C-alpha atoms as a PDB file:
ATOM      1  CA  MET A   1     120.472  90.054 102.305  1.00  0.00           C
ATOM      2  CA  PRO A   2     118.455  90.230  99.052  1.00  0.00           C
ATOM      3  CA  SER A   3     118.531  93.511  97.116  1.00  0.00           C
ATOM      4  CA  SER A   4     114.758  93.804  97.648  1.00  0.00           C
ATOM      5  CA  LEU A   5     113.166  92.559 100.850  1.00  0.00           C
ATOM      6  CA  VAL A   6     109.692  92.759  99.310  1.00  0.00           C
ATOM      7  CA  GLN A   7     109.203  92.172  95.576  1.00  0.00           C
ATOM      8  CA  PHE A   8     105.849  91.967  93.766  1.00  0.00           C
ATOM      9  CA  GLU A   9     106.147  90.868  90.139  1.00  0.00           C
ATOM     10  CA  ASN A  10     102.876  91.133  88.170  1.00  0.00           C
ATOM     11  CA  VAL A  11     100.869  89.864  91.133  1.00  0.00           C
ATOM     12  CA  SER A  12      97.107  89.392  90.814  1.00  0.00           C
ATOM     13  CA  PHE A  13      94.605  88.247  93.424  1.00  0.00           C
ATOM     14  CA  ALA A  14      90.816  87.902  93.644  1.00  0.00           C
ATOM     15  CA  TYR A  15      88.302  87.009  96.324  1.00  0.00           C
ATOM     16  CA  GLY A  16      86.158  84.550  94.402  1.00  0.00           C
ATOM     17  CA  GLU A  17      84.999  86.277  91.243  1.00  0.00           C
ATOM     18  CA  ARG A  18      85.929  89.761  92.508  1.00  0.00           C
ATOM     19  CA  PRO A  19      89.387  90.945  91.383  1.00  0.00           C
ATOM     20  CA  VAL A  20      91.222  92.846  94.126  1.00  0.00           C
ATOM     21  CA  LEU A  21      94.748  93.236  92.716  1.00  0.00           C
ATOM     22  CA  THR A  22      95.658  93.153  89.044  1.00  0.00           C
ATOM     23  CA  ASP A  23      99.215  92.915  87.683  1.00  0.00           C
ATOM     24  CA  VAL A  24     100.818  94.706  90.663  1.00  0.00           C
ATOM     25  CA  SER A  25     104.593  95.185  90.604  1.00  0.00           C
ATOM     26  CA  LEU A  26     106.521  96.965  93.344  1.00  0.00           C
ATOM     27  CA  SER A  27     109.846  96.699  95.130  1.00  0.00           C
ATOM     28  CA  ILE A  28     110.990  97.654  98.638  1.00  0.00           C
ATOM     29  CA  LYS A  29     114.684  97.600  99.480  1.00  0.00           C
ATOM     30  CA  PRO A  30     116.445  97.399 102.870  1.00  0.00           C
ATOM     31  CA  GLY A  31     116.382 100.800 104.556  1.00  0.00           C
ATOM     32  CA  GLN A  32     113.385 102.064 102.577  1.00  0.00           C
ATOM     33  CA  VAL A  33     110.106 103.328 103.989  1.00  0.00           C
ATOM     34  CA  VAL A  34     107.406 102.939 101.335  1.00  0.00           C
ATOM     35  CA  ALA A  35     103.793 104.086 101.533  1.00  0.00           C
ATOM     36  CA  ILE A  36     100.879 102.360  99.812  1.00  0.00           C
ATOM     37  CA  MET A  37      98.076 104.884  99.328  1.00  0.00           C
ATOM     38  CA  GLY A  38      94.629 104.657  97.787  1.00  0.00           C
ATOM     39  CA  GLY A  39      90.959 104.864  98.553  1.00  0.00           C
ATOM     40  CA  SER A  40      89.011 102.384 100.635  1.00  0.00           C
ATOM     41  CA  GLY A  41      88.677  99.051  98.860  1.00  0.00           C
ATOM     42  CA  SER A  42      91.597  99.697  96.513  1.00  0.00           C
ATOM     43  CA  GLY A  43      93.557  96.628  97.691  1.00  0.00           C
ATOM     44  CA  LYS A  44      95.995  98.128 100.222  1.00  0.00           C
ATOM     45  CA  THR A  45      95.245  95.730 103.080  1.00  0.00           C
ATOM     46  CA  THR A  46      95.342  92.806 100.653  1.00  0.00           C
ATOM     47  CA  ILE A  47      98.965  93.716  99.924  1.00  0.00           C
ATOM     48  CA  LEU A  48      99.779  93.386 103.634  1.00  0.00           C
ATOM     49  CA  LYS A  49      97.988  90.027 103.803  1.00  0.00           C
ATOM     50  CA  LEU A  50      99.971  88.766 100.821  1.00  0.00           C
ATOM     51  CA  ILE A  51     103.275  89.834 102.374  1.00  0.00           C
ATOM     52  CA  GLY A  52     102.354  88.051 105.600  1.00  0.00           C
ATOM     53  CA  GLY A  53     101.320  84.889 103.757  1.00  0.00           C
ATOM     54  CA  GLN A  54      97.695  84.972 104.944  1.00  0.00           C
ATOM     55  CA  ILE A  55      96.753  84.684 101.291  1.00  0.00           C
ATOM     56  CA  ARG A  56      98.812  83.625  98.269  1.00  0.00           C
ATOM     57  CA  PRO A  57      99.146  85.271  94.842  1.00  0.00           C
ATOM     58  CA  GLU A  58      96.970  83.715  92.154  1.00  0.00           C
ATOM     59  CA  GLN A  59      99.235  85.032  89.407  1.00  0.00           C
ATOM     60  CA  GLY A  60     102.716  86.511  89.399  1.00  0.00           C
ATOM     61  CA  LYS A  61     105.481  86.150  91.971  1.00  0.00           C
ATOM     62  CA  LEU A  62     105.867  87.566  95.481  1.00  0.00           C
ATOM     63  CA  THR A  63     109.215  87.381  97.280  1.00  0.00           C
ATOM     64  CA  VAL A  64     109.576  88.382 100.941  1.00  0.00           C
ATOM     65  CA  ALA A  65     113.007  88.333 102.609  1.00  0.00           C
ATOM     66  CA  GLY A  66     114.251  85.993  99.896  1.00  0.00           C
ATOM     67  CA  ASN A  67     111.275  83.601 100.126  1.00  0.00           C
ATOM     68  CA  ASP A  68     108.855  82.850  97.299  1.00  0.00           C
ATOM     69  CA  VAL A  69     105.677  83.118  99.390  1.00  0.00           C
ATOM     70  CA  ALA A  70     103.491  81.013  97.097  1.00  0.00           C
ATOM     71  CA  THR A  71     105.781  77.977  97.478  1.00  0.00           C
ATOM     72  CA  LEU A  72     106.160  77.958 101.286  1.00  0.00           C
ATOM     73  CA  ASN A  73     104.779  75.109 103.355  1.00  0.00           C
ATOM     74  CA  GLU A  74     103.416  75.799 106.838  1.00  0.00           C
ATOM     75  CA  ALA A  75     106.751  75.410 108.637  1.00  0.00           C
ATOM     76  CA  ALA A  76     108.595  77.616 106.142  1.00  0.00           C
ATOM     77  CA  LEU A  77     105.818  80.208 106.311  1.00  0.00           C
ATOM     78  CA  TYR A  78     106.117  80.469 110.103  1.00  0.00           C
ATOM     79  CA  ALA A  79     109.889  80.752 109.758  1.00  0.00           C
ATOM     80  CA  MET A  80     109.456  83.618 107.290  1.00  0.00           C
ATOM     81  CA  ARG A  81     107.029  85.387 109.617  1.00  0.00           C
ATOM     82  CA  LYS A  82     109.761  85.576 112.253  1.00  0.00           C
ATOM     83  CA  LYS A  83     111.343  88.141 109.933  1.00  0.00           C
ATOM     84  CA  LEU A  84     108.206  90.304 109.916  1.00  0.00           C
ATOM     85  CA  GLY A  85     106.943  92.906 112.370  1.00  0.00           C
ATOM     86  CA  MET A  86     103.387  94.231 112.317  1.00  0.00           C
ATOM     87  CA  LEU A  87     101.870  97.388 113.792  1.00  0.00           C
ATOM     88  CA  PHE A  88      98.094  96.975 113.671  1.00  0.00           C
ATOM     89  CA  GLN A  89      95.751  99.894 113.079  1.00  0.00           C
ATOM     90  CA  PHE A  90      94.860 100.486 116.736  1.00  0.00           C
ATOM     91  CA  GLY A  91      97.823  98.703 118.308  1.00  0.00           C
ATOM     92  CA  ALA A  92      95.947  95.489 119.213  1.00  0.00           C
ATOM     93  CA  LEU A  93      97.631  95.123 122.593  1.00  0.00           C
ATOM     94  CA  PHE A  94      96.631  92.183 124.779  1.00  0.00           C
ATOM     95  CA  THR A  95      94.347  93.897 127.289  1.00  0.00           C
ATOM     96  CA  ASP A  96      94.985  91.419 130.105  1.00  0.00           C
ATOM     97  CA  LEU A  97      98.772  91.640 129.873  1.00  0.00           C
ATOM     98  CA  SER A  98     100.942  94.436 131.221  1.00  0.00           C
ATOM     99  CA  VAL A  99     102.969  96.666 128.921  1.00  0.00           C
ATOM    100  CA  PHE A 100     106.066  94.613 129.783  1.00  0.00           C
ATOM    101  CA  ASP A 101     104.360  91.304 129.029  1.00  0.00           C
ATOM    102  CA  ASN A 102     102.932  92.614 125.752  1.00  0.00           C
ATOM    103  CA  VAL A 103     106.420  93.444 124.484  1.00  0.00           C
ATOM    104  CA  ALA A 104     107.831  90.217 125.916  1.00  0.00           C
ATOM    105  CA  PHE A 105     105.179  88.102 124.198  1.00  0.00           C
ATOM    106  CA  PRO A 106     106.927  87.540 120.820  1.00  0.00           C
ATOM    107  CA  LEU A 107     110.254  86.923 122.574  1.00  0.00           C
ATOM    108  CA  ARG A 108     108.704  84.240 124.766  1.00  0.00           C
ATOM    109  CA  GLU A 109     106.785  82.674 121.881  1.00  0.00           C
ATOM    110  CA  ARG A 110     109.500  82.708 119.229  1.00  0.00           C
ATOM    111  CA  THR A 111     112.754  82.288 121.187  1.00  0.00           C
ATOM    112  CA  ASN A 112     114.277  80.213 123.980  1.00  0.00           C
ATOM    113  CA  LEU A 113     115.973  83.170 125.637  1.00  0.00           C
ATOM    114  CA  PRO A 114     116.231  83.195 129.438  1.00  0.00           C
ATOM    115  CA  GLU A 115     113.915  85.578 131.297  1.00  0.00           C
ATOM    116  CA  SER A 116     116.841  87.743 132.365  1.00  0.00           C
ATOM    117  CA  MET A 117     117.727  88.458 128.727  1.00  0.00           C
ATOM    118  CA  ILE A 118     114.069  88.937 127.777  1.00  0.00           C
ATOM    119  CA  ARG A 119     113.779  91.521 130.546  1.00  0.00           C
ATOM    120  CA  ASP A 120     116.752  93.459 129.185  1.00  0.00           C
ATOM    121  CA  LEU A 121     115.430  93.328 125.608  1.00  0.00           C
ATOM    122  CA  VAL A 122     111.932  94.448 126.621  1.00  0.00           C
ATOM    123  CA  LEU A 123     113.262  97.402 128.582  1.00  0.00           C
ATOM    124  CA  MET A 124     115.536  98.307 125.682  1.00  0.00           C
ATOM    125  CA  LYS A 125     112.639  98.273 123.191  1.00  0.00           C
ATOM    126  CA  LEU A 126     110.426 100.294 125.541  1.00  0.00           C
ATOM    127  CA  ASN A 127     113.243 102.782 126.064  1.00  0.00           C
ATOM    128  CA  THR A 128     113.531 103.126 122.286  1.00  0.00           C
ATOM    129  CA  VAL A 129     109.914 104.339 122.091  1.00  0.00           C
ATOM    130  CA  GLY A 130     110.270 106.445 125.250  1.00  0.00           C
ATOM    131  CA  LEU A 131     108.034 104.308 127.490  1.00  0.00           C
ATOM    132  CA  ARG A 132     110.341 102.322 129.774  1.00  0.00           C
ATOM    133  CA  GLY A 133     108.661 104.109 132.668  1.00  0.00           C
ATOM    134  CA  VAL A 134     105.251 102.498 132.023  1.00  0.00           C
ATOM    135  CA  SER A 135     106.408  98.876 131.797  1.00  0.00           C
ATOM    136  CA  ASP A 136     104.254  97.807 134.778  1.00  0.00           C
ATOM    137  CA  GLN A 137     101.066  99.535 133.604  1.00  0.00           C
ATOM    138  CA  MET A 138      98.129  97.914 131.841  1.00  0.00           C
ATOM    139  CA  PRO A 139      96.993  98.935 128.335  1.00  0.00           C
ATOM    140  CA  SER A 140      93.803 100.469 129.789  1.00  0.00           C
ATOM    141  CA  GLU A 141      95.958 102.986 131.654  1.00  0.00           C
ATOM    142  CA  LEU A 142      97.602 104.292 128.470  1.00  0.00           C
ATOM    143  CA  SER A 143      96.593 107.039 126.083  1.00  0.00           C
ATOM    144  CA  GLY A 144      95.976 106.115 122.461  1.00  0.00           C
ATOM    145  CA  GLY A 145      99.358 107.432 121.384  1.00  0.00           C
ATOM    146  CA  MET A 146     101.188 105.610 124.164  1.00  0.00           C
ATOM    147  CA  ALA A 147      99.406 102.352 123.350  1.00  0.00           C
ATOM    148  CA  ARG A 148     100.501 102.707 119.719  1.00  0.00           C
ATOM    149  CA  ARG A 149     104.111 103.209 120.836  1.00  0.00           C
ATOM    150  CA  VAL A 150     103.976 100.115 123.057  1.00  0.00           C
ATOM    151  CA  ALA A 151     102.601  98.156 120.092  1.00  0.00           C
ATOM    152  CA  LEU A 152     105.517  99.449 118.023  1.00  0.00           C
ATOM    153  CA  ALA A 153     107.974  98.268 120.679  1.00  0.00           C
ATOM    154  CA  ARG A 154     106.346  94.833 120.526  1.00  0.00           C
ATOM    155  CA  ALA A 155     106.512  94.824 116.718  1.00  0.00           C
ATOM    156  CA  ILE A 156     110.282  95.419 116.711  1.00  0.00           C
ATOM    157  CA  ALA A 157     111.012  93.002 119.579  1.00  0.00           C
ATOM    158  CA  LEU A 158     112.600  90.458 117.221  1.00  0.00           C
ATOM    159  CA  ASP A 159     114.427  93.040 115.049  1.00  0.00           C
ATOM    160  CA  PRO A 160     112.371  92.225 111.928  1.00  0.00           C
ATOM    161  CA  ALA A 161     113.701  92.496 108.392  1.00  0.00           C
ATOM    162  CA  VAL A 162     110.326  93.795 107.159  1.00  0.00           C
ATOM    163  CA  MET A 163     107.948  96.067 109.095  1.00  0.00           C
ATOM    164  CA  LEU A 164     104.271  96.334 108.134  1.00  0.00           C
ATOM    165  CA  TYR A 165     102.145  99.272 109.276  1.00  0.00           C
ATOM    166  CA  ASP A 166      98.360  99.221 108.860  1.00  0.00           C
ATOM    167  CA  GLU A 167      97.086 102.818 109.145  1.00  0.00           C
ATOM    168  CA  PRO A 168      99.528 103.696 111.962  1.00  0.00           C
ATOM    169  CA  PHE A 169      98.340 107.318 112.242  1.00  0.00           C
ATOM    170  CA  THR A 170      94.594 106.690 112.602  1.00  0.00           C
ATOM    171  CA  GLY A 171      92.951 108.379 115.587  1.00  0.00           C
ATOM    172  CA  LEU A 172      96.078 110.107 116.906  1.00  0.00           C
ATOM    173  CA  ASP A 173      96.353 113.714 118.041  1.00  0.00           C
ATOM    174  CA  PRO A 174      98.931 115.864 116.176  1.00  0.00           C
ATOM    175  CA  ILE A 175     101.680 115.354 118.787  1.00  0.00           C
ATOM    176  CA  SER A 176     101.222 111.573 118.934  1.00  0.00           C
ATOM    177  CA  LEU A 177     100.996 111.419 115.146  1.00  0.00           C
ATOM    178  CA  ALA A 178     104.278 113.262 114.711  1.00  0.00           C
ATOM    179  CA  THR A 179     105.889 111.075 117.403  1.00  0.00           C
ATOM    180  CA  ILE A 180     104.831 107.831 115.700  1.00  0.00           C
ATOM    181  CA  GLY A 181     105.982 109.146 112.322  1.00  0.00           C
ATOM    182  CA  LYS A 182     109.405 110.064 113.704  1.00  0.00           C
ATOM    183  CA  LEU A 183     109.724 106.680 115.427  1.00  0.00           C
ATOM    184  CA  ILE A 184     108.856 104.805 112.229  1.00  0.00           C
ATOM    185  CA  ARG A 185     111.547 106.673 110.318  1.00  0.00           C
ATOM    186  CA  ASN A 186     114.207 106.469 113.036  1.00  0.00           C
ATOM    187  CA  LEU A 187     113.618 102.785 113.807  1.00  0.00           C
ATOM    188  CA  ASN A 188     113.708 101.900 110.121  1.00  0.00           C
ATOM    189  CA  ASP A 189     117.034 103.692 109.699  1.00  0.00           C
ATOM    190  CA  ALA A 190     118.481 102.100 112.846  1.00  0.00           C
ATOM    191  CA  LEU A 191     117.396  98.542 111.995  1.00  0.00           C
ATOM    192  CA  GLY A 192     117.892  98.742 108.218  1.00  0.00           C
ATOM    193  CA  THR A 193     114.481  97.182 107.655  1.00  0.00           C
ATOM    194  CA  ALA A 194     112.088  97.566 104.748  1.00  0.00           C
ATOM    195  CA  SER A 195     108.940  99.306 105.977  1.00  0.00           C
ATOM    196  CA  VAL A 196     105.556  99.181 104.254  1.00  0.00           C
ATOM    197  CA  ILE A 197     102.986 101.742 105.402  1.00  0.00           C
ATOM    198  CA  VAL A 198      99.350 101.460 104.345  1.00  0.00           C
ATOM    199  CA  THR A 199      97.910 104.880 105.071  1.00  0.00           C
ATOM    200  CA  HIS A 200      95.495 107.656 104.151  1.00  0.00           C
ATOM    201  CA  ASP A 201      97.524 110.327 105.952  1.00  0.00           C
ATOM    202  CA  VAL A 202      99.160 112.244 103.128  1.00  0.00           C
ATOM    203  CA  GLU A 203     101.102 114.961 104.928  1.00  0.00           C
ATOM    204  CA  GLU A 204     102.698 112.845 107.645  1.00  0.00           C
ATOM    205  CA  SER A 205     103.510 110.027 105.230  1.00  0.00           C
ATOM    206  CA  LEU A 206     105.173 112.251 102.654  1.00  0.00           C
ATOM    207  CA  SER A 207     107.382 113.694 105.398  1.00  0.00           C
ATOM    208  CA  ILE A 208     108.907 110.313 106.332  1.00  0.00           C
ATOM    209  CA  VAL A 209     108.714 107.934 103.349  1.00  0.00           C
ATOM    210  CA  ASP A 210     111.169 107.360 100.510  1.00  0.00           C
ATOM    211  CA  TYR A 211     108.634 106.265  97.898  1.00  0.00           C
ATOM    212  CA  VAL A 212     104.871 106.095  97.345  1.00  0.00           C
ATOM    213  CA  TYR A 213     102.678 103.726  95.338  1.00  0.00           C
ATOM    214  CA  PHE A 214      99.099 104.769  94.572  1.00  0.00           C
ATOM    215  CA  LEU A 215      96.476 102.041  94.187  1.00  0.00           C
ATOM    216  CA  ALA A 216      93.121 102.449  92.479  1.00  0.00           C
ATOM    217  CA  ASP A 217      90.793  99.589  91.567  1.00  0.00           C
ATOM    218  CA  GLY A 218      93.522  97.099  92.427  1.00  0.00           C
ATOM    219  CA  LYS A 219      96.124  98.580  90.093  1.00  0.00           C
ATOM    220  CA  ILE A 220      99.128 100.814  90.651  1.00  0.00           C
ATOM    221  CA  VAL A 221      98.129 103.994  88.842  1.00  0.00           C
ATOM    222  CA  ALA A 222     101.053 106.197  89.927  1.00  0.00           C
ATOM    223  CA  GLU A 223     104.264 106.080  91.931  1.00  0.00           C
ATOM    224  CA  GLY A 224     107.181 108.284  92.875  1.00  0.00           C
ATOM    225  CA  THR A 225     109.238 109.992  95.550  1.00  0.00           C
ATOM    226  CA  PRO A 226     107.511 112.501  97.862  1.00  0.00           C
ATOM    227  CA  GLU A 227     108.894 115.343  95.735  1.00  0.00           C
ATOM    228  CA  GLN A 228     107.559 113.758  92.536  1.00  0.00           C
ATOM    229  CA  VAL A 229     104.186 113.136  94.179  1.00  0.00           C
ATOM    230  CA  ARG A 230     103.811 116.729  95.345  1.00  0.00           C
ATOM    231  CA  ALA A 231     104.658 117.996  91.855  1.00  0.00           C
ATOM    232  CA  SER A 232     102.563 115.388  90.031  1.00  0.00           C
ATOM    233  CA  THR A 233      99.913 116.410  87.518  1.00  0.00           C
ATOM    234  CA  HIS A 234      98.455 112.894  87.456  1.00  0.00           C
ATOM    235  CA  PRO A 235      94.679 113.332  87.977  1.00  0.00           C
ATOM    236  CA  PHE A 236      94.335 110.606  90.611  1.00  0.00           C
ATOM    237  CA  VAL A 237      97.379 111.765  92.587  1.00  0.00           C
ATOM    238  CA  LYS A 238      96.198 115.373  92.535  1.00  0.00           C
ATOM    239  CA  GLN A 239      92.717 114.374  93.701  1.00  0.00           C
ATOM    240  CA  PHE A 240      94.045 112.141  96.473  1.00  0.00           C
ATOM    241  CA  ILE A 241      96.685 114.416  97.997  1.00  0.00           C
ATOM    242  CA  ASN A 242      94.442 117.491  97.743  1.00  0.00           C
ATOM    243  CA  GLY A 243      91.344 115.702  99.062  1.00  0.00           C
ATOM    244  CA  GLU A 244      89.188 116.766  96.117  1.00  0.00           C
ATOM    245  CA  THR A 245      85.664 115.355  96.139  1.00  0.00           C
ATOM    246  CA  ASP A 246      85.471 114.699  92.418  1.00  0.00           C
ATOM    247  CA  GLY A 247      87.920 113.511  89.805  1.00  0.00           C
ATOM    248  CA  PRO A 248      89.037 110.088  88.563  1.00  0.00           C
ATOM    249  CA  VAL A 249      87.303 108.776  91.699  1.00  0.00           C
ATOM    250  CA  PRO A 250      83.830 110.257  91.055  1.00  0.00           C
ATOM    251  CA  PHE A 251      81.505 111.643  93.708  1.00  0.00           C
ATOM    252  CA  HIS A 252      78.547 109.895  92.046  1.00  0.00           C
ATOM    253  CA  LYS A 253      78.739 106.204  91.299  1.00  0.00           C
ATOM    254  CA  PRO A 254      77.246 105.152  87.953  1.00  0.00           C
ATOM    255  CA  ALA A 255      73.465 104.842  88.214  1.00  0.00           C
ATOM    256  CA  ALA A 256      70.314 105.006  86.165  1.00  0.00           C
ATOM    257  CA  PRO A 257      68.927 108.497  85.463  1.00  0.00           C
ATOM    258  CA  TYR A 258      67.633 110.021  88.682  1.00  0.00           C
ATOM    259  CA  ALA A 259      64.186 110.677  87.180  1.00  0.00           C
ATOM    260  CA  SER A 260      63.875 107.025  86.203  1.00  0.00           C
ATOM    261  CA  ASP A 261      64.665 105.861  89.751  1.00  0.00           C
ATOM    262  CA  LEU A 262      61.927 108.176  91.005  1.00  0.00           C
ATOM    263  CA  GLY A 263      59.478 106.777  88.487  1.00  0.00           C
ATOM    264  CA  LEU A 264      59.251 110.075  86.648  1.00  0.00           C
ATOM    265  CA  GLU A 265      59.077 110.179  82.882  1.00  0.00           C
ATOM    266  CA  PRO A 266      60.978 113.021  81.205  1.00  0.00           C
ATOM    267  CA  ARG A 267      58.747 115.667  79.713  1.00  0.00           C
ATOM    268  CA  ARG A 268      58.223 115.568  75.994  1.00  0.00           C
ATOM    269  CA  ALA A 269      58.404 118.754  73.943  1.00  0.00           C
END
């Protein structure tokens, strides 16, 4: 196993003429849970897309589970993706499939295991997230927190080397939020994976992660352990974790003088 399961080395990416990531370097080792934090539009989701190979770095090098993503052909890319698990923002369960069939889906698609073994694996994964008892139910019968846990069981069905979480705490009540946070930490420790969490939830994230990277305008502006983050005097970090309305990220975007926009000339003395 490589020393780092995810390694960004001076990676840059742009959508057309609009730069999204600039000279980003970060490393995630087996057993680590790492959070990527930043405001909307800072490039967090682009990092997940790069790891999954949906897009390729324009500059720099990205290695995932020992693979140089930019050099992979289609077959190699699909092989690499077998090592990834993904928990989407709202679970993204297949609405017409039962809970059991949702979790069984990646096993049926990616393996040639007999149905008897798939059944055992599905029940084991559901038991891990505490939901073996709802295996016959449909997603519409689940609460939001339960649906997220089923989606997590599906994401770990193939025992991935790298787990990706896109805003896993969004829309959850405090009990469900704490449950998902505990599951993320416990499953990561049990599987020895590298987990990448894109999130805005400061308190829950700092309670479970090993390291945090802060993105602003496509660049890593700060990083550190939860203890270092809480004690940080960095202006952006302080503004973000304290939810301050003004700071390095200004309340007002640059604009012409207000009076000019209103067609008012300033008074002359």
